[in-house]
Amino acid sequence: MQENKIVVINLDRAKERKEKISAQLDAQNLEYHIYSAFDAKNLTNETVSPGKLVKGYGKGRDFKKGEMGCTFSHIGVITMAKTLGWENVIILEDDIIICKDFEKRLRFLFRCLPKSWEHVFLGGHLYNFIPLIKPSCILSPKISGTYSYMLNHTAYDKAIKGLSSMETTTDDLYEHMKLKSFIFFPLFSYPLLEYSYVNEERENRIHSSKPHFSEYL
């Protein structure tokens, strides 16, 4: 199996999230890096003030500062992975529940992936329910979400360029990149929608990806 670097994006002020995701990863003896997310509260320079979304879901509405901070954070992680010469990188946001057989699932995934893969959704919002019974890796259908995904080094430049366009939100930008993208079922993770640091408000709802998640293969 290829070497896999795991990076968790975490706001310094979201200490409870860091503790929860760290506990899950530590329980499986997984090595990971905590990446300090760009805090939208620091967006005060008028040269990077939010404008309008020019494409994707919500086209025409104001670009929220939290959404911009999210995009900056993902660009930072991918740039770090490229600079350090990592073969691939697994990017996790800090508000998720992960499966309890993460490494086993990765081994299964790499047996399924073609050599030309660029991107894999390890979780995400599916627009349609897909009734898959056994573990499967398929070409990505219409899906959004950047809370749990993997990038091959061959796609680092594409992802950085796509995200840097800032034409829409992080999730939607990945839909427009035209990467060789796949998704693995059952999903590796799903998010706990308890509080949104992007919107700075409580959500308290179940994410649509949970029915596609299981703790074990």
Protein backbone atom coordinates (compact mmCIF):
# COMPACT_ATOMS: atom_id res chain seq x y z
CA MET A 1 0.00 0.00 0.00
CA GLN A 2 1.16 3.53 -0.71
CA GLU A 3 2.33 5.76 2.10
CA ASN A 4 -0.57 7.85 3.33
CA LYS A 5 -0.21 11.14 5.15
CA ILE A 6 -3.23 12.21 7.18
CA VAL A 7 -3.82 15.90 7.87
CA VAL A 8 -6.60 17.20 10.10
CA ILE A 9 -7.73 20.79 9.54
CA ASN A 10 -8.58 22.35 12.89
CA LEU A 11 -9.27 25.88 14.06
CA ASP A 12 -7.10 26.67 17.07
CA ARG A 13 -10.17 27.87 18.96
CA ALA A 14 -12.09 24.63 18.22
CA LYS A 15 -10.24 22.69 20.90
CA GLU A 16 -13.10 20.28 21.61
CA ARG A 17 -13.07 19.15 17.97
CA LYS A 18 -9.33 18.58 18.04
CA GLU A 19 -9.76 16.38 21.10
CA LYS A 20 -12.56 14.31 19.51
CA ILE A 21 -10.84 13.62 16.20
CA SER A 22 -7.47 13.03 17.88
CA ALA A 23 -9.02 10.45 20.20
CA GLN A 24 -10.46 8.56 17.23
CA LEU A 25 -7.20 8.55 15.28
CA ASP A 26 -5.10 7.71 18.36
CA ALA A 27 -7.37 4.74 19.14
CA GLN A 28 -6.33 3.22 15.80
CA ASN A 29 -2.65 4.18 16.18
CA LEU A 30 -2.87 6.32 13.06
CA GLU A 31 -0.21 8.96 12.47
CA TYR A 32 -1.55 12.39 11.58
CA HIS A 33 -0.73 16.08 11.47
CA ILE A 34 -2.94 18.83 12.92
CA TYR A 35 -3.04 21.79 10.54
CA SER A 36 -4.05 25.13 12.06
CA ALA A 37 -6.92 26.35 9.93
CA PHE A 38 -7.12 29.89 8.64
CA ASP A 39 -9.50 31.70 10.98
CA ALA A 40 -11.98 33.86 9.09
CA LYS A 41 -11.99 36.25 12.04
CA ASN A 42 -8.56 37.34 10.82
CA LEU A 43 -9.93 38.36 7.41
CA THR A 44 -9.66 42.12 7.81
CA ASN A 45 -7.62 43.10 4.75
CA GLU A 46 -9.94 44.68 2.17
CA THR A 47 -7.94 43.11 -0.67
CA VAL A 48 -9.33 39.70 0.30
CA SER A 49 -12.77 40.78 1.46
CA PRO A 50 -15.60 38.44 0.39
CA GLY A 51 -17.27 39.15 -2.94
CA LYS A 52 -19.98 37.17 -4.73
CA LEU A 53 -20.09 33.50 -5.68
CA VAL A 54 -19.78 33.41 -9.46
CA LYS A 55 -20.64 29.74 -9.97
CA GLY A 56 -21.90 26.65 -8.17
CA TYR A 57 -24.60 26.27 -5.57
CA GLY A 58 -25.57 29.70 -4.26
CA LYS A 59 -24.28 31.55 -7.33
CA GLY A 60 -24.76 35.29 -6.90
CA ARG A 61 -24.91 35.37 -3.11
CA ASP A 62 -22.24 36.88 -0.87
CA PHE A 63 -19.09 34.84 -0.24
CA LYS A 64 -18.96 34.27 3.53
CA LYS A 65 -15.70 34.94 5.32
CA GLY A 66 -15.86 31.48 6.89
CA GLU A 67 -16.12 29.91 3.44
CA MET A 68 -13.05 31.81 2.31
CA GLY A 69 -11.16 30.70 5.41
CA CYS A 70 -12.07 27.09 4.61
CA THR A 71 -10.71 27.41 1.08
CA PHE A 72 -7.48 29.05 2.29
CA SER A 73 -7.00 26.17 4.74
CA HIS A 74 -7.38 23.48 2.08
CA ILE A 75 -4.99 25.33 -0.23
CA GLY A 76 -2.49 25.47 2.63
CA VAL A 77 -2.65 21.73 3.32
CA ILE A 78 -2.25 20.78 -0.34
CA THR A 79 0.62 23.25 -0.77
CA MET A 80 2.31 21.70 2.27
CA ALA A 81 1.85 18.18 0.84
CA LYS A 82 3.36 19.29 -2.46
CA THR A 83 6.29 21.07 -0.81
CA LEU A 84 7.10 18.03 1.34
CA GLY A 85 6.88 15.69 -1.63
CA TRP A 86 4.11 13.50 -0.25
CA GLU A 87 2.85 10.81 -2.63
CA ASN A 88 -0.70 11.51 -1.55
CA VAL A 89 -2.53 13.23 1.27
CA ILE A 90 -5.68 12.42 3.20
CA ILE A 91 -7.42 15.60 4.30
CA LEU A 92 -9.91 15.43 7.16
CA GLU A 93 -11.89 18.25 8.70
CA ASP A 94 -12.13 18.08 12.46
CA ASP A 95 -15.88 17.58 12.97
CA ILE A 96 -16.19 14.01 11.72
CA ILE A 97 -16.73 10.46 12.89
CA ILE A 98 -14.36 8.01 11.21
CA CYS A 99 -14.68 4.28 10.64
CA LYS A 100 -12.97 1.94 13.10
CA ASP A 101 -11.01 0.05 10.43
CA PHE A 102 -9.39 3.02 8.67
CA GLU A 103 -6.14 1.30 7.62
CA LYS A 104 -7.90 -1.90 6.53
CA ARG A 105 -10.30 0.17 4.44
CA LEU A 106 -7.38 2.06 2.84
CA ARG A 107 -5.73 -1.22 1.85
CA PHE A 108 -8.98 -2.36 0.25
CA LEU A 109 -9.35 0.99 -1.49
CA PHE A 110 -5.88 0.88 -3.07
CA ARG A 111 -6.56 -2.59 -4.43
CA CYS A 112 -9.57 -1.12 -6.25
CA LEU A 113 -8.20 2.20 -7.48
CA PRO A 114 -6.75 2.53 -11.00
CA LYS A 115 -3.24 3.95 -11.28
CA SER A 116 -4.65 7.09 -12.90
CA TRP A 117 -6.71 8.16 -9.86
CA GLU A 118 -6.40 11.78 -8.75
CA HIS A 119 -9.01 12.24 -6.04
CA VAL A 120 -11.13 10.04 -3.78
CA PHE A 121 -14.13 11.05 -1.71
CA LEU A 122 -13.83 9.29 1.66
CA GLY A 123 -17.08 10.98 2.58
CA GLY A 124 -19.43 13.51 1.07
CA HIS A 125 -22.95 14.64 0.34
CA LEU A 126 -24.56 12.39 -2.27
CA TYR A 127 -27.38 13.91 -4.28
CA ASN A 128 -28.89 10.46 -4.83
CA PHE A 129 -28.88 7.37 -2.63
CA ILE A 130 -26.69 4.56 -4.03
CA PRO A 131 -27.75 1.08 -2.81
CA LEU A 132 -24.40 -0.72 -2.66
CA ILE A 133 -24.24 -3.86 -0.54
CA LYS A 134 -20.55 -4.78 -0.59
CA PRO A 135 -17.41 -2.59 -0.38
CA SER A 136 -17.01 -0.79 -3.69
CA CYS A 137 -14.87 1.90 -5.30
CA ILE A 138 -16.63 3.62 -8.20
CA LEU A 139 -16.26 6.69 -10.37
CA SER A 140 -17.63 9.59 -8.39
CA PRO A 141 -21.27 10.44 -9.08
CA LYS A 142 -22.57 13.96 -8.41
CA ILE A 143 -21.29 14.60 -4.91
CA SER A 144 -19.92 17.45 -2.84
CA GLY A 145 -17.97 17.75 0.36
CA THR A 146 -14.40 18.30 1.49
CA TYR A 147 -14.65 17.04 5.05
CA SER A 148 -12.89 13.76 4.14
CA TYR A 149 -10.98 13.12 0.91
CA MET A 150 -7.67 11.95 -0.56
CA LEU A 151 -5.54 13.58 -3.26
CA ASN A 152 -2.83 12.00 -5.38
CA HIS A 153 0.34 14.07 -5.91
CA THR A 154 -0.57 14.20 -9.61
CA ALA A 155 -3.54 16.40 -8.73
CA TYR A 156 -1.91 18.84 -6.29
CA ASP A 157 -1.36 21.58 -8.86
CA LYS A 158 -4.85 21.16 -10.32
CA ALA A 159 -6.42 21.38 -6.87
CA ILE A 160 -4.39 24.42 -5.83
CA LYS A 161 -5.25 26.20 -9.08
CA GLY A 162 -8.92 25.28 -8.83
CA LEU A 163 -9.26 26.35 -5.21
CA SER A 164 -7.29 29.55 -5.80
CA SER A 165 -9.84 30.70 -8.37
CA MET A 166 -12.14 31.47 -5.41
CA GLU A 167 -15.10 31.37 -7.80
CA THR A 168 -17.29 29.52 -5.32
CA THR A 169 -17.10 27.52 -2.09
CA THR A 170 -14.52 24.81 -1.42
CA ASP A 171 -17.06 22.00 -1.85
CA ASP A 172 -18.35 23.32 -5.16
CA LEU A 173 -14.89 24.06 -6.52
CA TYR A 174 -14.03 20.35 -6.39
CA GLU A 175 -17.08 19.64 -8.52
CA HIS A 176 -15.71 21.97 -11.22
CA MET A 177 -12.10 20.69 -11.28
CA LYS A 178 -12.77 17.70 -13.55
CA LEU A 179 -10.44 15.45 -11.56
CA LYS A 180 -10.30 11.68 -12.03
CA SER A 181 -12.42 11.26 -8.97
CA PHE A 182 -13.69 8.16 -7.19
CA ILE A 183 -15.73 7.37 -4.10
CA PHE A 184 -15.45 4.41 -1.75
CA PHE A 185 -18.40 2.69 -0.09
CA PRO A 186 -19.04 2.33 2.73
CA LEU A 187 -17.84 5.86 3.44
CA PHE A 188 -14.85 6.31 5.73
CA SER A 189 -16.56 9.11 7.65
CA TYR A 190 -19.47 11.46 8.12
CA PRO A 191 -19.64 14.89 9.80
CA LEU A 192 -21.30 15.73 13.08
CA LEU A 193 -23.32 18.80 12.22
CA GLU A 194 -23.49 20.34 15.67
CA TYR A 195 -21.91 23.75 15.13
CA SER A 196 -20.69 25.51 12.00
CA TYR A 197 -17.56 27.63 12.36
CA VAL A 198 -18.12 28.73 8.77
CA ASN A 199 -21.50 30.25 9.59
CA GLU A 200 -20.80 30.72 13.32
CA GLU A 201 -24.10 29.09 14.26
CA ARG A 202 -25.51 25.84 15.62
CA GLU A 203 -26.87 23.31 13.14
CA ASN A 204 -27.94 20.15 15.02
CA ARG A 205 -28.89 17.97 12.07
CA ILE A 206 -27.85 14.61 10.63
CA HIS A 207 -25.66 14.74 7.53
CA SER A 208 -27.04 13.03 4.43
CA SER A 209 -23.92 10.88 4.12
CA LYS A 210 -24.52 8.90 7.31
CA PRO A 211 -26.64 6.15 5.66
CA HIS A 212 -23.63 5.38 3.44
CA PHE A 213 -21.28 5.07 6.43
CA SER A 214 -20.47 2.02 8.54
CA GLU A 215 -17.97 1.52 11.34
CA TYR A 216 -16.52 -1.63 9.75
CA LEU A 217 -16.35 -3.10 6.26
